[in-house]
Protein backbone atom coordinates (compact mmCIF):
# COMPACT_ATOMS: atom_id res chain seq x y z
CA GLU A 1 5.02 9.26 31.81
CA HIS A 2 7.23 10.78 34.53
CA TYR A 3 9.49 7.69 34.59
CA LYS A 4 9.48 7.10 30.82
CA HIS A 5 13.23 7.62 30.29
CA HIS A 6 14.18 6.44 33.80
CA TRP A 7 12.68 2.93 33.84
CA PHE A 8 14.99 -0.02 33.21
CA PRO A 9 13.36 -3.42 33.93
CA LEU A 10 16.55 -5.29 32.99
CA VAL A 11 18.58 -3.18 35.45
CA PRO A 12 16.07 -2.29 38.22
CA SER A 13 18.47 -0.17 40.31
CA LYS A 14 19.41 2.08 37.38
CA GLY A 15 17.64 5.43 37.68
CA SER A 16 16.54 4.79 41.26
CA GLY A 17 17.60 8.26 42.43
CA TYR A 18 15.21 9.84 39.94
CA ARG A 19 12.39 7.54 41.04
CA CYS A 20 12.81 8.35 44.75
CA ILE A 21 9.77 10.30 45.98
CA ARG A 22 10.43 12.23 49.14
CA ILE A 23 8.47 14.21 51.69
CA ASN A 24 10.74 15.95 54.17
CA HIS A 25 8.48 18.60 55.68
CA LYS A 26 7.95 19.71 52.03
CA MET A 27 5.62 17.94 49.62
CA ASP A 28 7.20 16.15 46.67
CA PRO A 29 5.89 17.80 43.47
CA LEU A 30 4.92 14.45 41.95
CA ILE A 31 2.74 13.54 44.96
CA GLY A 32 1.27 17.05 45.00
CA LYS A 33 0.37 16.79 41.31
CA ALA A 34 -1.24 13.35 41.72
CA ALA A 35 -3.19 14.53 44.78
CA GLY A 36 -4.46 17.57 42.90
CA MET A 37 -5.71 15.32 40.09
CA ILE A 38 -7.96 13.49 42.57
CA GLY A 39 -9.05 16.62 44.45
CA LEU A 40 -6.81 16.44 47.54
CA SER A 41 -5.33 19.72 48.78
CA HIS A 42 -1.74 20.01 50.02
CA GLU A 43 -3.12 20.67 53.50
CA ARG A 44 -5.10 17.41 53.46
CA LEU A 45 -2.10 15.51 52.10
CA PHE A 46 0.06 16.71 55.00
CA GLN A 47 -2.64 15.41 57.36
CA LEU A 48 -2.70 11.99 55.67
CA LEU A 49 1.02 11.41 55.13
CA PRO A 50 3.99 11.46 57.50
CA SER A 51 6.09 14.62 57.50
CA GLU A 52 9.14 12.48 56.63
CA LEU A 53 8.50 9.77 54.02
CA THR A 54 10.77 8.28 51.37
CA LEU A 55 9.24 6.12 48.65
CA TRP A 56 11.31 4.17 46.11
CA VAL A 57 9.47 3.18 42.92
CA ASP A 58 11.56 0.60 41.08
CA PRO A 59 10.75 -2.01 38.46
CA PHE A 60 9.15 -4.95 40.29
CA GLU A 61 9.23 -3.29 43.75
CA VAL A 62 7.93 -0.29 45.68
CA SER A 63 9.38 0.29 49.14
CA TYR A 64 9.20 3.05 51.72
CA ARG A 65 10.72 4.43 54.90
CA ILE A 66 8.99 6.63 57.46
CA GLY A 67 11.37 9.06 59.15
CA GLU A 68 15.11 9.25 58.64
CA ASP A 69 15.88 6.34 60.97
CA GLY A 70 12.99 4.02 60.09
CA SER A 71 13.35 0.60 58.54
CA ILE A 72 12.81 0.17 54.82
CA CYS A 73 9.64 -1.82 54.17
CA VAL A 74 8.43 -3.36 50.92
CA LEU A 75 4.99 -2.12 49.95
CA TYR A 76 4.64 -3.96 46.62
CA GLU A 77 6.65 -6.61 44.82
CA SER A 78 6.02 -8.51 41.58
CA PRO A 79 7.82 -11.39 39.89
CA GLN A 80 10.57 -10.42 37.48
CA PRO A 81 10.42 -11.57 33.86
CA GLY A 82 12.23 -14.79 33.03
CA GLY A 83 10.65 -16.83 35.79
CA LYS A 84 12.56 -15.34 38.73
CA ALA A 85 10.32 -15.77 41.74
CA ALA A 86 9.72 -12.73 43.88
CA LYS A 87 10.83 -13.04 47.47
CA GLN A 88 8.01 -13.31 49.96
CA LEU A 89 6.86 -9.98 51.35
CA GLU A 90 7.17 -9.31 55.04
CA SER A 91 3.94 -8.97 56.94
CA ARG A 92 2.86 -5.49 57.96
CA THR A 93 3.28 -6.52 61.60
CA SER A 94 6.93 -7.50 61.20
CA CYS A 95 7.66 -4.33 59.27
CA LYS A 96 6.10 -2.21 62.02
CA GLU A 97 8.12 -4.11 64.61
CA GLU A 98 11.35 -3.44 62.71
CA TRP A 99 10.49 0.26 62.58
CA ARG A 100 10.16 0.29 66.36
CA ILE A 101 13.50 -1.43 67.08
CA GLY A 102 15.40 0.73 69.50
CA ARG A 103 12.38 2.86 70.38
CA SER A 104 9.95 2.46 73.22
CA SER A 105 7.21 3.96 71.05
CA PRO A 106 6.94 5.64 67.66
CA SER A 107 7.94 9.29 67.68
CA LYS A 108 4.63 10.28 66.08
CA SER A 109 1.37 8.50 65.37
CA TYR A 110 0.37 8.41 61.71
CA ASN A 111 -2.92 7.95 59.93
CA MET A 112 -2.20 5.32 57.31
CA MET A 113 -3.87 5.45 53.91
CA THR A 114 -4.16 2.13 52.10
CA VAL A 115 -4.59 1.65 48.38
CA SER A 116 -5.92 -1.49 46.74
CA SER A 117 -6.21 -2.42 43.10
């Protein structure tokens, strides 16, 4: 419902600013609302999620970045209509390695929460 007038499958990048979910030491209201619906407090959310997280929810792709200088990683991708094949997703290992480029170790350790359908 939140994306109803900001979702353009024929032009996936249109409206992407509106669909950017961001935690930058403050909880994004959309994440806070969803967490409340499943019984998670803001305090628990801040324990589970990084203090700096950007999530892009676009037609056919969801990607994220941890921290301001982290690499952008694809979390979910689906084929586009019309038979266009989706590009192969990177493995979690390669994405983690990209995030660490230029760093001897991550600046903070994170508890990762996974979601499956």
